[in-house]
Amino acid sequence: MSSAKTSWPEVVGWPAAEAVTQINSDRPDVSIEVVPAGTNVAPGYNASRVRVFFDAGDASGPVLYTPVVG
């Protein structure tokens, strides 16, 4: 599974819900956490997790950072 996708730079600026759909399509084996930017999250690497940080102050909830596995 070394060829599995591990980052999604193309979804930056997308609405969070659309980004989740794309990531889930590419990697149905990972869990996706949708997190408002600025929220404290537990540190640590998790190979089966992707965090999607979005702008909660914007009605469209755009993704702010490249989502990555970890």
C-alpha atoms as a PDB file:
ATOM      1  CA  MET A   1       0.000   0.000   0.000  1.00  0.00           C
ATOM      2  CA  SER A   2       3.037   2.248  -0.356  1.00  0.00           C
ATOM      3  CA  SER A   3       1.457   3.992  -3.347  1.00  0.00           C
ATOM      4  CA  ALA A   4      -1.524   5.134  -1.269  1.00  0.00           C
ATOM      5  CA  LYS A   5      -2.130   8.868  -1.250  1.00  0.00           C
ATOM      6  CA  THR A   6      -0.929  10.640   1.920  1.00  0.00           C
ATOM      7  CA  SER A   7      -1.689  14.327   1.244  1.00  0.00           C
ATOM      8  CA  TRP A   8      -4.333  16.361  -0.560  1.00  0.00           C
ATOM      9  CA  PRO A   9      -2.958  19.807  -1.480  1.00  0.00           C
ATOM     10  CA  GLU A  10      -5.610  20.147  -4.188  1.00  0.00           C
ATOM     11  CA  VAL A  11      -8.431  20.483  -1.612  1.00  0.00           C
ATOM     12  CA  VAL A  12      -7.062  23.657   0.030  1.00  0.00           C
ATOM     13  CA  GLY A  13      -9.756  26.303  -0.463  1.00  0.00           C
ATOM     14  CA  TRP A  14     -12.511  23.724  -1.012  1.00  0.00           C
ATOM     15  CA  PRO A  15     -15.498  23.524   1.344  1.00  0.00           C
ATOM     16  CA  ALA A  16     -14.613  21.042   4.098  1.00  0.00           C
ATOM     17  CA  ALA A  17     -17.451  18.657   3.171  1.00  0.00           C
ATOM     18  CA  GLU A  18     -16.187  18.358  -0.411  1.00  0.00           C
ATOM     19  CA  ALA A  19     -12.639  17.773   0.827  1.00  0.00           C
ATOM     20  CA  VAL A  20     -13.852  14.951   3.083  1.00  0.00           C
ATOM     21  CA  THR A  21     -15.657  13.348   0.126  1.00  0.00           C
ATOM     22  CA  GLN A  22     -12.482  13.488  -2.004  1.00  0.00           C
ATOM     23  CA  ILE A  23     -10.211  12.127   0.744  1.00  0.00           C
ATOM     24  CA  ASN A  24     -12.674   9.348   1.537  1.00  0.00           C
ATOM     25  CA  SER A  25     -12.788   8.449  -2.155  1.00  0.00           C
ATOM     26  CA  ASP A  26      -8.984   8.235  -2.330  1.00  0.00           C
ATOM     27  CA  ARG A  27      -8.451   6.579   1.063  1.00  0.00           C
ATOM     28  CA  PRO A  28     -11.559   4.853   2.438  1.00  0.00           C
ATOM     29  CA  ASP A  29      -9.282   3.137   4.979  1.00  0.00           C
ATOM     30  CA  VAL A  30      -8.574   6.304   6.999  1.00  0.00           C
ATOM     31  CA  SER A  31     -10.749   8.164   9.490  1.00  0.00           C
ATOM     32  CA  ILE A  32     -11.197  11.858   8.783  1.00  0.00           C
ATOM     33  CA  GLU A  33     -11.394  14.465  11.534  1.00  0.00           C
ATOM     34  CA  VAL A  34     -12.864  17.827  10.509  1.00  0.00           C
ATOM     35  CA  VAL A  35     -11.426  20.458  12.843  1.00  0.00           C
ATOM     36  CA  PRO A  36     -12.017  24.228  13.046  1.00  0.00           C
ATOM     37  CA  ALA A  37      -8.701  26.063  12.569  1.00  0.00           C
ATOM     38  CA  GLY A  38      -7.195  27.163  15.859  1.00  0.00           C
ATOM     39  CA  THR A  39      -8.602  24.212  17.792  1.00  0.00           C
ATOM     40  CA  ASN A  40      -6.120  22.404  20.015  1.00  0.00           C
ATOM     41  CA  VAL A  41      -5.744  18.786  18.941  1.00  0.00           C
ATOM     42  CA  ALA A  42      -3.900  15.954  20.624  1.00  0.00           C
ATOM     43  CA  PRO A  43      -0.356  15.607  19.291  1.00  0.00           C
ATOM     44  CA  GLY A  44       0.935  12.389  17.828  1.00  0.00           C
ATOM     45  CA  TYR A  45       1.038  10.525  14.555  1.00  0.00           C
ATOM     46  CA  ASN A  46      -1.752   8.177  13.544  1.00  0.00           C
ATOM     47  CA  ALA A  47      -1.337   6.389  10.208  1.00  0.00           C
ATOM     48  CA  SER A  48      -5.094   5.860   9.914  1.00  0.00           C
ATOM     49  CA  ARG A  49      -6.159   9.478  10.461  1.00  0.00           C
ATOM     50  CA  VAL A  50      -6.444  12.597   8.311  1.00  0.00           C
ATOM     51  CA  ARG A  51      -7.286  15.957   9.883  1.00  0.00           C
ATOM     52  CA  VAL A  52      -9.011  18.583   7.764  1.00  0.00           C
ATOM     53  CA  PHE A  53      -8.610  22.086   9.219  1.00  0.00           C
ATOM     54  CA  PHE A  54     -11.184  24.602   8.000  1.00  0.00           C
ATOM     55  CA  ASP A  55     -12.113  28.249   8.531  1.00  0.00           C
ATOM     56  CA  ALA A  56     -15.146  28.124  10.828  1.00  0.00           C
ATOM     57  CA  GLY A  57     -15.641  31.879  10.433  1.00  0.00           C
ATOM     58  CA  ASP A  58     -16.382  31.547   6.712  1.00  0.00           C
ATOM     59  CA  ALA A  59     -19.813  30.318   5.607  1.00  0.00           C
ATOM     60  CA  SER A  60     -18.311  27.969   3.005  1.00  0.00           C
ATOM     61  CA  GLY A  61     -15.876  26.509   5.554  1.00  0.00           C
ATOM     62  CA  PRO A  62     -12.853  26.439   3.271  1.00  0.00           C
ATOM     63  CA  VAL A  63      -9.958  24.078   3.990  1.00  0.00           C
ATOM     64  CA  LEU A  64      -6.962  26.142   5.161  1.00  0.00           C
ATOM     65  CA  TYR A  65      -4.074  23.651   5.187  1.00  0.00           C
ATOM     66  CA  THR A  66      -3.098  20.614   3.138  1.00  0.00           C
ATOM     67  CA  PRO A  67      -4.706  17.565   4.783  1.00  0.00           C
ATOM     68  CA  VAL A  68      -2.161  14.805   5.432  1.00  0.00           C
ATOM     69  CA  VAL A  69      -2.203  11.314   6.875  1.00  0.00           C
ATOM     70  CA  GLY A  70      -1.048  11.452  10.461  1.00  0.00           C
END
